[in-house]
Every structure is written in C-alpha cells, then in structure tokens.
C-alpha cells in the first residue's frame, strides 16, 4: 500500500526521476572517487615509488627528536607531532599559537624532515600553519581527495556543490521510499525477460530498494560535511568567535 495518493505519487515520481538525473554525473564522480580515496595512503605510497616502507616510527625516533628539538625555539614546544614520510624519513612538527598583528590567534609551526639513517635535517619549513603545503610527491593522492571532497573547485563553492548533490540524493532516496507501493515485495522482485525495458525497470527497482538505506546514509553524510565545512563552521565562528575559524577549531 502506498503512503501517498496517486496524484502525489506521480509528482514524487517526477521529483525522484529528475533528482536522480540532474547532476547525476557529478554525483557518481563523488561516489566513485570516494571509493578510491579509501586507499589514499596506499595511493600516495605507490605514487612516490616507496612501496617498501617501515611501519611505525622505529627505535631511533627519540634520539633524532632530541637532536632536532635543539634546533627549534622553545616557544614552539606547545604541541609536537611525530610521523614518518612514505620514504621512511622522520618528520617532527613543532607548533604553537601566536597572536598576529590583527589580533587574531593563529597556529605557527616549524617542521623538520630528518634522514632516517643519519639523522641529518633534509628539509625545514617554518611559518603559519595555514600556509603549510603538502609535498609535491603526494599530488596524485591530493588530486583524488580534492576531486571527491570538492570536485576540484575552489572553496567554498566545491563544498557547497557537494552538499547540494547530497541533498539531491536525499530527495531521491526519500521520494523512492514514498512512491514504492510494495516496498517489501519490491525487495524480492525478479527481472522479467519479456521486454528489455521492463526487465531493466525491474532491475532498477530491485537495486534501488536494497540500496535505499545506504543511499540515504551516503547522501546525509555528504550533505552534512559539505555544508558544515563551507557554511556551518564559518557561521558558528562568526557568531561565537568573531569570525576566527582557527580559534574555534
């Protein structure tokens, strides 16, 4: 039994169809790249040609850390992060909070990349954390991540578009639930082979029915993260922290 009458069902069917058609290509780009981004660490390691790398930070991390810390101003000892690059070298990131000339509090840091064998400093970066760039060698991983998160568009437009796509998918999922007259029966329908169009429709109904819960979760989380990063967080920062997003986070 349908949850709505026949007239409303036709309207919902139109909404359902158009929301699944309009911007459908972009939506599938987001979904496909999302499946790829699950392996972003492996992609970065492979693209760097560093398939053989050590797990963890090893036994020399403390000795090299003490050596590197002597080259850093103690004011940056507020927070320290230790990790390894895909090549296996050690990276020590020292950062603190500094009040800038405009009165805003911002994170500043110093990052040292240390050779895993000799302990020599290979690279030194210093400055505001918002200006910290990712290694060029990880460009392939960043391409997939940016394509998934914001369709490779400038902020905040890419995030807003992904949020809109999530809402479109939510409309499709919700309207799909409402227009299914026999939701339980549709979950076990078998494709009819009398006509190609009818069989394709049966397959669509079958796949759509089983995929409804997953489609709703995917759409909701995509819309949430898209609008939260582009609209929600800046709005909260404007109200409670005078527009300082970094201070709020």
C-alpha atoms as a PDB file:
ATOM      1  CA  UNK A   1       0.000   0.000   0.000  1.00  0.00           C
ATOM      2  CA  UNK A   2       1.375   3.402  -0.990  1.00  0.00           C
ATOM      3  CA  UNK A   3       1.971   6.096   1.624  1.00  0.00           C
ATOM      4  CA  UNK A   4       0.555   8.769  -0.730  1.00  0.00           C
ATOM      5  CA  UNK A   5      -2.301   9.015  -3.231  1.00  0.00           C
ATOM      6  CA  UNK A   6      -1.888   8.564  -6.984  1.00  0.00           C
ATOM      7  CA  UNK A   7      -1.576  12.275  -7.877  1.00  0.00           C
ATOM      8  CA  UNK A   8       1.101  12.919  -5.273  1.00  0.00           C
ATOM      9  CA  UNK A   9       2.770   9.686  -6.267  1.00  0.00           C
ATOM     10  CA  UNK A  10       3.175  10.961  -9.845  1.00  0.00           C
ATOM     11  CA  UNK A  11       4.652  14.211  -8.596  1.00  0.00           C
ATOM     12  CA  UNK A  12       7.060  12.352  -6.336  1.00  0.00           C
ATOM     13  CA  UNK A  13       7.958  10.089  -9.234  1.00  0.00           C
ATOM     14  CA  UNK A  14       8.896  13.146 -11.286  1.00  0.00           C
ATOM     15  CA  UNK A  15      10.966  14.572  -8.413  1.00  0.00           C
ATOM     16  CA  UNK A  16      12.561  11.196  -7.903  1.00  0.00           C
ATOM     17  CA  UNK A  17      13.471  10.871 -11.566  1.00  0.00           C
ATOM     18  CA  UNK A  18      14.796  14.391 -12.078  1.00  0.00           C
ATOM     19  CA  UNK A  19      16.761  14.432  -8.818  1.00  0.00           C
ATOM     20  CA  UNK A  20      18.410  11.215  -9.953  1.00  0.00           C
ATOM     21  CA  UNK A  21      19.115  12.608 -13.439  1.00  0.00           C
ATOM     22  CA  UNK A  22      20.142  16.214 -12.847  1.00  0.00           C
ATOM     23  CA  UNK A  23      23.758  16.471 -11.784  1.00  0.00           C
ATOM     24  CA  UNK A  24      23.869  12.663 -11.824  1.00  0.00           C
ATOM     25  CA  UNK A  25      27.281  12.541 -13.474  1.00  0.00           C
ATOM     26  CA  UNK A  26      28.840  14.750 -10.792  1.00  0.00           C
ATOM     27  CA  UNK A  27      27.196  12.649  -8.090  1.00  0.00           C
ATOM     28  CA  UNK A  28      28.705   9.461  -9.469  1.00  0.00           C
ATOM     29  CA  UNK A  29      32.100  11.183  -9.689  1.00  0.00           C
ATOM     30  CA  UNK A  30      31.836  11.893  -5.937  1.00  0.00           C
ATOM     31  CA  UNK A  31      30.808   8.304  -5.195  1.00  0.00           C
ATOM     32  CA  UNK A  32      33.485   6.724  -7.394  1.00  0.00           C
ATOM     33  CA  UNK A  33      36.282   8.921  -6.070  1.00  0.00           C
ATOM     34  CA  UNK A  34      35.079   8.209  -2.536  1.00  0.00           C
ATOM     35  CA  UNK A  35      35.744   4.516  -3.141  1.00  0.00           C
ATOM     36  CA  UNK A  36      39.217   5.386  -4.441  1.00  0.00           C
ATOM     37  CA  UNK A  37      40.044   7.762  -1.565  1.00  0.00           C
ATOM     38  CA  UNK A  38      39.627   4.889   0.914  1.00  0.00           C
ATOM     39  CA  UNK A  39      43.076   3.812  -0.319  1.00  0.00           C
ATOM     40  CA  UNK A  40      44.624   7.293  -0.284  1.00  0.00           C
ATOM     41  CA  UNK A  41      47.608   6.251   1.849  1.00  0.00           C
ATOM     42  CA  UNK A  42      48.368   3.322  -0.420  1.00  0.00           C
ATOM     43  CA  UNK A  43      47.995   5.559  -3.490  1.00  0.00           C
ATOM     44  CA  UNK A  44      50.458   8.100  -2.054  1.00  0.00           C
ATOM     45  CA  UNK A  45      52.978   5.405  -1.174  1.00  0.00           C
ATOM     46  CA  UNK A  46      52.673   3.819  -4.630  1.00  0.00           C
ATOM     47  CA  UNK A  47      52.903   7.157  -6.482  1.00  0.00           C
ATOM     48  CA  UNK A  48      56.104   8.031  -4.616  1.00  0.00           C
ATOM     49  CA  UNK A  49      57.682   4.720  -5.598  1.00  0.00           C
ATOM     50  CA  UNK A  50      58.055   3.824  -1.928  1.00  0.00           C
ATOM     51  CA  UNK A  51      56.204   0.540  -1.754  1.00  0.00           C
ATOM     52  CA  UNK A  52      58.643  -0.851   0.794  1.00  0.00           C
ATOM     53  CA  UNK A  53      58.394   1.243   3.942  1.00  0.00           C
ATOM     54  CA  UNK A  54      58.741   0.635   7.647  1.00  0.00           C
ATOM     55  CA  UNK A  55      55.746   0.521   9.942  1.00  0.00           C
ATOM     56  CA  UNK A  56      55.651   2.782  12.972  1.00  0.00           C
ATOM     57  CA  UNK A  57      58.368   5.260  13.875  1.00  0.00           C
ATOM     58  CA  UNK A  58      61.191   2.872  14.707  1.00  0.00           C
ATOM     59  CA  UNK A  59      63.694   2.832  17.567  1.00  0.00           C
ATOM     60  CA  UNK A  60      65.750   5.924  16.616  1.00  0.00           C
ATOM     61  CA  UNK A  61      62.872   8.357  16.755  1.00  0.00           C
ATOM     62  CA  UNK A  62      63.685   9.607  20.280  1.00  0.00           C
ATOM     63  CA  UNK A  63      67.377  10.210  19.576  1.00  0.00           C
ATOM     64  CA  UNK A  64      66.656  12.097  16.352  1.00  0.00           C
ATOM     65  CA  UNK A  65      63.838  14.021  18.028  1.00  0.00           C
ATOM     66  CA  UNK A  66      66.096  15.335  20.779  1.00  0.00           C
ATOM     67  CA  UNK A  67      68.644  16.360  18.179  1.00  0.00           C
ATOM     68  CA  UNK A  68      66.020  18.154  16.081  1.00  0.00           C
ATOM     69  CA  UNK A  69      64.405  19.850  19.092  1.00  0.00           C
ATOM     70  CA  UNK A  70      67.690  21.631  19.886  1.00  0.00           C
ATOM     71  CA  UNK A  71      67.339  23.496  16.582  1.00  0.00           C
ATOM     72  CA  UNK A  72      63.841  24.790  17.407  1.00  0.00           C
ATOM     73  CA  UNK A  73      62.843  27.723  19.598  1.00  0.00           C
ATOM     74  CA  UNK A  74      61.271  26.508  22.849  1.00  0.00           C
ATOM     75  CA  UNK A  75      58.234  28.690  22.156  1.00  0.00           C
ATOM     76  CA  UNK A  76      57.178  26.063  19.585  1.00  0.00           C
ATOM     77  CA  UNK A  77      57.194  23.233  22.137  1.00  0.00           C
ATOM     78  CA  UNK A  78      53.494  23.788  22.894  1.00  0.00           C
ATOM     79  CA  UNK A  79      52.462  20.899  20.617  1.00  0.00           C
ATOM     80  CA  UNK A  80      54.605  18.326  18.816  1.00  0.00           C
ATOM     81  CA  UNK A  81      53.631  15.811  16.142  1.00  0.00           C
ATOM     82  CA  UNK A  82      55.883  12.951  15.057  1.00  0.00           C
ATOM     83  CA  UNK A  83      55.280  10.886  11.940  1.00  0.00           C
ATOM     84  CA  UNK A  84      57.079   9.300   9.003  1.00  0.00           C
ATOM     85  CA  UNK A  85      57.022  10.131   5.342  1.00  0.00           C
ATOM     86  CA  UNK A  86      56.261   7.376   2.794  1.00  0.00           C
ATOM     87  CA  UNK A  87      60.021   7.205   2.163  1.00  0.00           C
ATOM     88  CA  UNK A  88      60.534   6.352   5.823  1.00  0.00           C
ATOM     89  CA  UNK A  89      62.169   9.620   6.932  1.00  0.00           C
ATOM     90  CA  UNK A  90      61.167  11.183  10.243  1.00  0.00           C
ATOM     91  CA  UNK A  91      59.099  14.354  10.402  1.00  0.00           C
ATOM     92  CA  UNK A  92      58.847  16.488  13.535  1.00  0.00           C
ATOM     93  CA  UNK A  93      56.258  19.257  13.573  1.00  0.00           C
ATOM     94  CA  UNK A  94      56.520  21.799  16.392  1.00  0.00           C
ATOM     95  CA  UNK A  95      53.701  24.332  16.560  1.00  0.00           C
ATOM     96  CA  UNK A  96      52.220  26.930  18.871  1.00  0.00           C
ATOM     97  CA  UNK A  97      49.595  29.704  18.909  1.00  0.00           C
ATOM     98  CA  UNK A  98      50.677  33.266  18.156  1.00  0.00           C
ATOM     99  CA  UNK A  99      48.671  36.490  18.271  1.00  0.00           C
ATOM    100  CA  UNK A 100      49.081  38.215  14.916  1.00  0.00           C
ATOM    101  CA  UNK A 101      49.069  41.943  14.167  1.00  0.00           C
ATOM    102  CA  UNK A 102      45.298  41.989  13.538  1.00  0.00           C
ATOM    103  CA  UNK A 103      44.647  40.478  16.963  1.00  0.00           C
ATOM    104  CA  UNK A 104      43.735  37.016  15.714  1.00  0.00           C
ATOM    105  CA  UNK A 105      45.260  33.923  17.245  1.00  0.00           C
ATOM    106  CA  UNK A 106      46.801  31.650  14.601  1.00  0.00           C
ATOM    107  CA  UNK A 107      48.897  28.499  14.620  1.00  0.00           C
ATOM    108  CA  UNK A 108      52.547  28.808  13.611  1.00  0.00           C
ATOM    109  CA  UNK A 109      54.845  25.858  13.239  1.00  0.00           C
ATOM    110  CA  UNK A 110      58.258  24.503  12.355  1.00  0.00           C
ATOM    111  CA  UNK A 111      58.565  21.172  10.541  1.00  0.00           C
ATOM    112  CA  UNK A 112      61.848  19.305  10.247  1.00  0.00           C
ATOM    113  CA  UNK A 113      62.314  16.325   7.938  1.00  0.00           C
ATOM    114  CA  UNK A 114      65.144  14.141   9.237  1.00  0.00           C
ATOM    115  CA  UNK A 115      67.024  11.427   7.371  1.00  0.00           C
ATOM    116  CA  UNK A 116      66.090   8.002   8.732  1.00  0.00           C
ATOM    117  CA  UNK A 117      69.692   6.736   8.570  1.00  0.00           C
ATOM    118  CA  UNK A 118      71.907   9.670   9.556  1.00  0.00           C
ATOM    119  CA  UNK A 119      69.553  11.960  11.452  1.00  0.00           C
ATOM    120  CA  UNK A 120      70.532  14.927   9.254  1.00  0.00           C
ATOM    121  CA  UNK A 121      67.889  17.576   8.581  1.00  0.00           C
ATOM    122  CA  UNK A 122      66.762  17.186   4.955  1.00  0.00           C
ATOM    123  CA  UNK A 123      64.159  19.945   4.926  1.00  0.00           C
ATOM    124  CA  UNK A 124      62.985  22.737   7.230  1.00  0.00           C
ATOM    125  CA  UNK A 125      59.692  24.615   6.960  1.00  0.00           C
ATOM    126  CA  UNK A 126      58.558  27.484   9.180  1.00  0.00           C
ATOM    127  CA  UNK A 127      55.516  29.748   9.103  1.00  0.00           C
ATOM    128  CA  UNK A 128      51.747  29.952   9.683  1.00  0.00           C
ATOM    129  CA  UNK A 129      50.113  26.524   9.595  1.00  0.00           C
ATOM    130  CA  UNK A 130      47.515  27.761   7.111  1.00  0.00           C
ATOM    131  CA  UNK A 131      50.335  28.281   4.592  1.00  0.00           C
ATOM    132  CA  UNK A 132      51.829  24.839   5.110  1.00  0.00           C
ATOM    133  CA  UNK A 133      51.833  22.977   1.812  1.00  0.00           C
ATOM    134  CA  UNK A 134      51.797  19.266   1.145  1.00  0.00           C
ATOM    135  CA  UNK A 135      54.726  17.627  -0.641  1.00  0.00           C
ATOM    136  CA  UNK A 136      54.502  17.728  -4.413  1.00  0.00           C
ATOM    137  CA  UNK A 137      55.162  13.991  -4.431  1.00  0.00           C
ATOM    138  CA  UNK A 138      51.701  13.424  -2.943  1.00  0.00           C
ATOM    139  CA  UNK A 139      49.959  15.255  -5.823  1.00  0.00           C
ATOM    140  CA  UNK A 140      48.144  12.118  -7.037  1.00  0.00           C
ATOM    141  CA  UNK A 141      46.607  11.471  -3.615  1.00  0.00           C
ATOM    142  CA  UNK A 142      45.597  15.131  -3.225  1.00  0.00           C
ATOM    143  CA  UNK A 143      44.016  15.082  -6.689  1.00  0.00           C
ATOM    144  CA  UNK A 144      41.698  12.196  -5.747  1.00  0.00           C
ATOM    145  CA  UNK A 145      40.883  13.693  -2.344  1.00  0.00           C
ATOM    146  CA  UNK A 146      40.109  17.156  -3.755  1.00  0.00           C
ATOM    147  CA  UNK A 147      38.028  15.643  -6.557  1.00  0.00           C
ATOM    148  CA  UNK A 148      35.981  13.680  -4.018  1.00  0.00           C
ATOM    149  CA  UNK A 149      35.607  16.408  -1.389  1.00  0.00           C
ATOM    150  CA  UNK A 150      35.006  19.464  -3.601  1.00  0.00           C
ATOM    151  CA  UNK A 151      35.038  18.279  -7.226  1.00  0.00           C
ATOM    152  CA  UNK A 152      38.299  20.166  -7.726  1.00  0.00           C
ATOM    153  CA  UNK A 153      36.522  23.517  -7.449  1.00  0.00           C
ATOM    154  CA  UNK A 154      37.746  26.441  -5.311  1.00  0.00           C
ATOM    155  CA  UNK A 155      36.453  26.770  -1.757  1.00  0.00           C
ATOM    156  CA  UNK A 156      33.743  27.154  -0.684  1.00  0.00           C
ATOM    157  CA  UNK A 157      31.965  26.525  -3.995  1.00  0.00           C
ATOM    158  CA  UNK A 158      33.110  22.921  -4.341  1.00  0.00           C
ATOM    159  CA  UNK A 159      31.957  22.016  -0.827  1.00  0.00           C
ATOM    160  CA  UNK A 160      28.603  23.724  -1.394  1.00  0.00           C
ATOM    161  CA  UNK A 161      28.096  21.848  -4.675  1.00  0.00           C
ATOM    162  CA  UNK A 162      28.879  18.519  -2.990  1.00  0.00           C
ATOM    163  CA  UNK A 163      26.409  19.437  -0.233  1.00  0.00           C
ATOM    164  CA  UNK A 164      23.753  20.197  -2.858  1.00  0.00           C
ATOM    165  CA  UNK A 165      24.447  16.838  -4.523  1.00  0.00           C
ATOM    166  CA  UNK A 166      23.974  15.163  -1.156  1.00  0.00           C
ATOM    167  CA  UNK A 167      20.611  16.888  -0.732  1.00  0.00           C
ATOM    168  CA  UNK A 168      19.571  15.832  -4.243  1.00  0.00           C
ATOM    169  CA  UNK A 169      20.433  12.244  -3.383  1.00  0.00           C
ATOM    170  CA  UNK A 170      18.446  12.526  -0.143  1.00  0.00           C
ATOM    171  CA  UNK A 171      15.402  13.738  -2.106  1.00  0.00           C
ATOM    172  CA  UNK A 172      15.817  10.779  -4.429  1.00  0.00           C
ATOM    173  CA  UNK A 173      16.048   8.308  -1.539  1.00  0.00           C
ATOM    174  CA  UNK A 174      13.114   9.763   0.408  1.00  0.00           C
ATOM    175  CA  UNK A 175      10.871  10.052  -2.640  1.00  0.00           C
ATOM    176  CA  UNK A 176      11.852   6.495  -3.607  1.00  0.00           C
ATOM    177  CA  UNK A 177      10.619   5.233  -0.250  1.00  0.00           C
ATOM    178  CA  UNK A 178       7.323   7.137  -0.582  1.00  0.00           C
ATOM    179  CA  UNK A 179       6.471   6.063  -4.145  1.00  0.00           C
ATOM    180  CA  UNK A 180       7.151   2.362  -3.637  1.00  0.00           C
ATOM    181  CA  UNK A 181       3.692   0.845  -3.278  1.00  0.00           C
ATOM    182  CA  UNK A 182       5.012  -2.533  -2.201  1.00  0.00           C
ATOM    183  CA  UNK A 183       8.393  -1.925  -0.614  1.00  0.00           C
ATOM    184  CA  UNK A 184       8.798  -5.428   0.823  1.00  0.00           C
ATOM    185  CA  UNK A 185       7.686  -7.141  -2.363  1.00  0.00           C
ATOM    186  CA  UNK A 186       9.954  -4.924  -4.485  1.00  0.00           C
ATOM    187  CA  UNK A 187      12.936  -6.089  -2.452  1.00  0.00           C
ATOM    188  CA  UNK A 188      12.445  -9.618  -3.850  1.00  0.00           C
ATOM    189  CA  UNK A 189      11.213  -8.866  -7.365  1.00  0.00           C
ATOM    190  CA  UNK A 190      12.718 -10.876 -10.221  1.00  0.00           C
ATOM    191  CA  UNK A 191      13.509  -9.280 -13.566  1.00  0.00           C
ATOM    192  CA  UNK A 192      11.028 -10.130 -16.324  1.00  0.00           C
ATOM    193  CA  UNK A 193      12.585 -11.147 -19.612  1.00  0.00           C
ATOM    194  CA  UNK A 194       9.611 -10.431 -21.912  1.00  0.00           C
ATOM    195  CA  UNK A 195      10.821  -6.940 -22.763  1.00  0.00           C
ATOM    196  CA  UNK A 196      14.190  -5.309 -22.295  1.00  0.00           C
ATOM    197  CA  UNK A 197      12.716  -2.079 -20.897  1.00  0.00           C
ATOM    198  CA  UNK A 198      10.508  -3.920 -18.387  1.00  0.00           C
ATOM    199  CA  UNK A 199      13.402  -6.109 -17.267  1.00  0.00           C
ATOM    200  CA  UNK A 200      15.647  -3.061 -16.841  1.00  0.00           C
ATOM    201  CA  UNK A 201      12.942  -1.393 -14.751  1.00  0.00           C
ATOM    202  CA  UNK A 202      12.664  -4.460 -12.529  1.00  0.00           C
ATOM    203  CA  UNK A 203      16.430  -4.476 -12.001  1.00  0.00           C
ATOM    204  CA  UNK A 204      16.316  -0.779 -11.164  1.00  0.00           C
ATOM    205  CA  UNK A 205      13.564  -1.339  -8.590  1.00  0.00           C
ATOM    206  CA  UNK A 206      15.432  -4.284  -7.067  1.00  0.00           C
ATOM    207  CA  UNK A 207      18.768  -2.476  -6.803  1.00  0.00           C
ATOM    208  CA  UNK A 208      17.126   0.756  -5.642  1.00  0.00           C
ATOM    209  CA  UNK A 209      15.101  -0.928  -2.908  1.00  0.00           C
ATOM    210  CA  UNK A 210      18.080  -2.687  -1.351  1.00  0.00           C
ATOM    211  CA  UNK A 211      20.241   0.412  -1.755  1.00  0.00           C
ATOM    212  CA  UNK A 212      17.830   2.890  -0.158  1.00  0.00           C
ATOM    213  CA  UNK A 213      19.285   2.768   3.396  1.00  0.00           C
ATOM    214  CA  UNK A 214      22.848   3.081   2.100  1.00  0.00           C
ATOM    215  CA  UNK A 215      21.880   5.868  -0.322  1.00  0.00           C
ATOM    216  CA  UNK A 216      20.265   7.843   2.491  1.00  0.00           C
ATOM    217  CA  UNK A 217      23.277   7.489   4.798  1.00  0.00           C
ATOM    218  CA  UNK A 218      25.679   8.414   1.988  1.00  0.00           C
ATOM    219  CA  UNK A 219      23.563  11.414   0.971  1.00  0.00           C
ATOM    220  CA  UNK A 220      23.067  12.676   4.527  1.00  0.00           C
ATOM    221  CA  UNK A 221      26.751  12.497   5.471  1.00  0.00           C
ATOM    222  CA  UNK A 222      27.784  14.090   2.161  1.00  0.00           C
ATOM    223  CA  UNK A 223      25.356  16.967   2.624  1.00  0.00           C
ATOM    224  CA  UNK A 224      26.345  17.389   6.269  1.00  0.00           C
ATOM    225  CA  UNK A 225      30.099  17.563   5.674  1.00  0.00           C
ATOM    226  CA  UNK A 226      29.685  19.717   2.557  1.00  0.00           C
ATOM    227  CA  UNK A 227      27.571  22.363   4.264  1.00  0.00           C
ATOM    228  CA  UNK A 228      29.248  22.054   7.686  1.00  0.00           C
ATOM    229  CA  UNK A 229      32.692  22.940   6.302  1.00  0.00           C
ATOM    230  CA  UNK A 230      31.506  25.654   3.919  1.00  0.00           C
ATOM    231  CA  UNK A 231      28.592  27.237   5.816  1.00  0.00           C
ATOM    232  CA  UNK A 232      28.080  25.799   9.311  1.00  0.00           C
ATOM    233  CA  UNK A 233      31.557  26.223  10.814  1.00  0.00           C
ATOM    234  CA  UNK A 234      32.125  29.771   9.409  1.00  0.00           C
ATOM    235  CA  UNK A 235      28.661  30.797  10.646  1.00  0.00           C
ATOM    236  CA  UNK A 236      29.344  29.465  14.152  1.00  0.00           C
ATOM    237  CA  UNK A 237      32.753  31.152  14.162  1.00  0.00           C
ATOM    238  CA  UNK A 238      31.149  34.448  13.116  1.00  0.00           C
ATOM    239  CA  UNK A 239      28.639  34.270  15.970  1.00  0.00           C
ATOM    240  CA  UNK A 240      30.820  32.983  18.797  1.00  0.00           C
ATOM    241  CA  UNK A 241      34.456  33.731  17.843  1.00  0.00           C
ATOM    242  CA  UNK A 242      34.279  36.974  15.824  1.00  0.00           C
ATOM    243  CA  UNK A 243      34.834  35.077  12.598  1.00  0.00           C
ATOM    244  CA  UNK A 244      38.028  33.295  13.738  1.00  0.00           C
ATOM    245  CA  UNK A 245      37.568  29.742  12.417  1.00  0.00           C
ATOM    246  CA  UNK A 246      41.014  28.589  13.587  1.00  0.00           C
ATOM    247  CA  UNK A 247      40.326  29.704  17.155  1.00  0.00           C
ATOM    248  CA  UNK A 248      37.002  27.841  17.204  1.00  0.00           C
ATOM    249  CA  UNK A 249      38.504  24.602  15.874  1.00  0.00           C
END
